[in-house]
Amino acid sequence: MAVTIPMLMAAGPAIGYFLGSFLDGYFGTEPYLMILTIILGFGASFMETRNLIKRTTQENSDE
């Protein structure tokens, strides 16, 4: 879990950056879609990290 959380926190915004850059180039809306997808990436990373911590604490309390 020590490596999983930092990877989750980095992957979401990184994917958002690349997806947003592609969409901005396609639609000609630079930099608005990139900013939006980076923010969405941070939100998704935060939610997935929270869910991972929840699952891990539930598994540990069940044992």
N, C-alpha and C. Protein backbone atom coordinates (compact mmCIF):
# COMPACT_ATOMS: atom_id res chain seq x y z
N MET A 1 0.82 -1.19 0.00
CA MET A 1 0.00 0.00 0.00
C MET A 1 0.87 1.26 0.00
N ALA A 2 2.09 1.14 0.45
CA ALA A 2 2.97 2.31 0.51
C ALA A 2 3.32 2.82 -0.88
N VAL A 3 3.29 1.96 -1.87
CA VAL A 3 3.59 2.39 -3.24
C VAL A 3 2.30 2.67 -4.00
N THR A 4 1.23 2.02 -3.64
CA THR A 4 -0.03 2.15 -4.37
C THR A 4 -0.62 3.54 -4.27
N ILE A 5 -0.64 4.12 -3.10
CA ILE A 5 -1.26 5.43 -2.91
C ILE A 5 -0.53 6.53 -3.70
N PRO A 6 0.79 6.63 -3.63
CA PRO A 6 1.45 7.66 -4.46
C PRO A 6 1.24 7.44 -5.95
N MET A 7 1.19 6.18 -6.38
CA MET A 7 0.95 5.91 -7.80
C MET A 7 -0.46 6.35 -8.19
N LEU A 8 -1.44 6.09 -7.33
CA LEU A 8 -2.80 6.54 -7.61
C LEU A 8 -2.87 8.05 -7.68
N MET A 9 -2.20 8.72 -6.76
CA MET A 9 -2.26 10.18 -6.71
C MET A 9 -1.55 10.82 -7.91
N ALA A 10 -0.59 10.12 -8.48
CA ALA A 10 0.11 10.67 -9.65
C ALA A 10 -0.57 10.28 -10.96
N ALA A 11 -1.17 9.11 -11.00
CA ALA A 11 -1.73 8.61 -12.26
C ALA A 11 -2.95 9.40 -12.71
N GLY A 12 -3.84 9.74 -11.80
CA GLY A 12 -5.06 10.45 -12.18
C GLY A 12 -4.80 11.77 -12.88
N PRO A 13 -4.04 12.67 -12.26
CA PRO A 13 -3.75 13.94 -12.94
C PRO A 13 -2.91 13.76 -14.21
N ALA A 14 -2.02 12.77 -14.23
CA ALA A 14 -1.20 12.55 -15.43
C ALA A 14 -2.08 12.11 -16.60
N ILE A 15 -2.99 11.19 -16.34
CA ILE A 15 -3.91 10.76 -17.38
C ILE A 15 -4.79 11.94 -17.81
N GLY A 16 -5.23 12.73 -16.84
CA GLY A 16 -6.02 13.91 -17.15
C GLY A 16 -5.26 14.90 -18.03
N TYR A 17 -3.99 15.07 -17.75
CA TYR A 17 -3.17 15.98 -18.54
C TYR A 17 -3.10 15.52 -19.99
N PHE A 18 -2.75 14.25 -20.20
CA PHE A 18 -2.59 13.75 -21.56
C PHE A 18 -3.92 13.70 -22.31
N LEU A 19 -4.97 13.29 -21.63
CA LEU A 19 -6.29 13.25 -22.26
C LEU A 19 -6.75 14.67 -22.59
N GLY A 20 -6.57 15.58 -21.65
CA GLY A 20 -6.96 16.97 -21.89
C GLY A 20 -6.17 17.63 -23.00
N SER A 21 -4.87 17.35 -23.07
CA SER A 21 -4.06 17.90 -24.15
C SER A 21 -4.52 17.39 -25.51
N PHE A 22 -4.82 16.10 -25.57
CA PHE A 22 -5.33 15.53 -26.82
C PHE A 22 -6.65 16.19 -27.22
N LEU A 23 -7.57 16.28 -26.26
CA LEU A 23 -8.88 16.86 -26.56
C LEU A 23 -8.78 18.34 -26.91
N ASP A 24 -7.88 19.07 -26.25
CA ASP A 24 -7.68 20.48 -26.59
C ASP A 24 -7.17 20.63 -28.01
N GLY A 25 -6.25 19.77 -28.41
CA GLY A 25 -5.75 19.81 -29.79
C GLY A 25 -6.84 19.47 -30.79
N TYR A 26 -7.68 18.54 -30.43
CA TYR A 26 -8.75 18.09 -31.33
C TYR A 26 -9.83 19.15 -31.49
N PHE A 27 -10.23 19.75 -30.37
CA PHE A 27 -11.31 20.73 -30.40
C PHE A 27 -10.82 22.18 -30.49
N GLY A 28 -9.53 22.41 -30.29
CA GLY A 28 -8.98 23.77 -30.34
C GLY A 28 -9.41 24.63 -29.15
N THR A 29 -9.47 24.04 -27.98
CA THR A 29 -9.94 24.75 -26.79
C THR A 29 -8.85 24.96 -25.75
N GLU A 30 -7.60 25.02 -26.18
CA GLU A 30 -6.50 25.08 -25.23
C GLU A 30 -6.67 26.21 -24.24
N PRO A 31 -6.35 26.07 -23.01
CA PRO A 31 -6.00 24.94 -22.16
C PRO A 31 -7.17 24.44 -21.31
N TYR A 32 -8.39 24.79 -21.69
CA TYR A 32 -9.53 24.57 -20.81
C TYR A 32 -9.83 23.11 -20.52
N LEU A 33 -9.83 22.27 -21.53
CA LEU A 33 -10.12 20.86 -21.28
C LEU A 33 -8.99 20.19 -20.50
N MET A 34 -7.76 20.61 -20.73
CA MET A 34 -6.65 20.06 -19.97
C MET A 34 -6.79 20.38 -18.48
N ILE A 35 -7.13 21.60 -18.18
CA ILE A 35 -7.32 22.00 -16.78
C ILE A 35 -8.47 21.21 -16.15
N LEU A 36 -9.56 21.10 -16.88
CA LEU A 36 -10.72 20.36 -16.39
C LEU A 36 -10.39 18.89 -16.12
N THR A 37 -9.69 18.25 -17.06
CA THR A 37 -9.40 16.83 -16.87
C THR A 37 -8.35 16.60 -15.79
N ILE A 38 -7.46 17.53 -15.58
CA ILE A 38 -6.50 17.41 -14.46
C ILE A 38 -7.25 17.50 -13.14
N ILE A 39 -8.18 18.43 -13.03
CA ILE A 39 -8.97 18.54 -11.80
C ILE A 39 -9.80 17.28 -11.57
N LEU A 40 -10.41 16.77 -12.63
CA LEU A 40 -11.16 15.51 -12.51
C LEU A 40 -10.24 14.35 -12.13
N GLY A 41 -9.01 14.35 -12.64
CA GLY A 41 -8.03 13.33 -12.29
C GLY A 41 -7.66 13.37 -10.81
N PHE A 42 -7.49 14.58 -10.27
CA PHE A 42 -7.22 14.71 -8.85
C PHE A 42 -8.39 14.18 -8.02
N GLY A 43 -9.60 14.53 -8.44
CA GLY A 43 -10.78 14.04 -7.73
C GLY A 43 -10.91 12.54 -7.77
N ALA A 44 -10.68 11.96 -8.94
CA ALA A 44 -10.77 10.50 -9.07
C ALA A 44 -9.68 9.82 -8.24
N SER A 45 -8.49 10.38 -8.23
CA SER A 45 -7.40 9.81 -7.43
C SER A 45 -7.72 9.87 -5.95
N PHE A 46 -8.25 10.99 -5.52
CA PHE A 46 -8.62 11.13 -4.11
C PHE A 46 -9.68 10.12 -3.71
N MET A 47 -10.71 9.97 -4.55
CA MET A 47 -11.79 9.02 -4.24
C MET A 47 -11.28 7.59 -4.21
N GLU A 48 -10.43 7.23 -5.15
CA GLU A 48 -9.90 5.86 -5.19
C GLU A 48 -8.98 5.60 -4.01
N THR A 49 -8.19 6.59 -3.61
CA THR A 49 -7.33 6.44 -2.44
C THR A 49 -8.17 6.27 -1.18
N ARG A 50 -9.23 7.05 -1.06
CA ARG A 50 -10.13 6.94 0.09
C ARG A 50 -10.78 5.55 0.14
N ASN A 51 -11.22 5.06 -1.01
CA ASN A 51 -11.83 3.73 -1.06
C ASN A 51 -10.81 2.64 -0.71
N LEU A 52 -9.58 2.78 -1.17
CA LEU A 52 -8.54 1.82 -0.87
C LEU A 52 -8.26 1.78 0.63
N ILE A 53 -8.17 2.94 1.25
CA ILE A 53 -7.92 3.00 2.69
C ILE A 53 -9.10 2.40 3.45
N LYS A 54 -10.32 2.69 3.01
CA LYS A 54 -11.50 2.11 3.65
C LYS A 54 -11.49 0.59 3.59
N ARG A 55 -11.23 0.04 2.40
CA ARG A 55 -11.19 -1.42 2.23
C ARG A 55 -10.11 -2.04 3.10
N THR A 56 -8.95 -1.42 3.14
CA THR A 56 -7.84 -1.96 3.90
C THR A 56 -8.16 -1.95 5.40
N THR A 57 -8.75 -0.88 5.89
CA THR A 57 -9.07 -0.84 7.31
C THR A 57 -10.19 -1.81 7.67
N GLN A 58 -11.15 -2.02 6.76
CA GLN A 58 -12.18 -3.01 7.00
C GLN A 58 -11.62 -4.42 7.03
N GLU A 59 -10.71 -4.72 6.11
CA GLU A 59 -10.09 -6.05 6.08
C GLU A 59 -9.28 -6.29 7.34
N ASN A 60 -8.57 -5.27 7.82
CA ASN A 60 -7.77 -5.42 9.03
C ASN A 60 -8.64 -5.54 10.28
N SER A 61 -9.78 -4.86 10.31
CA SER A 61 -10.64 -4.95 11.48
C SER A 61 -11.41 -6.27 11.51
N ASP A 62 -11.64 -6.89 10.35
CA ASP A 62 -12.32 -8.18 10.30
C ASP A 62 -11.45 -9.32 10.80
N GLU A 63 -10.16 -9.15 10.73
CA GLU A 63 -9.23 -10.23 11.12
C GLU A 63 -9.08 -10.34 12.60
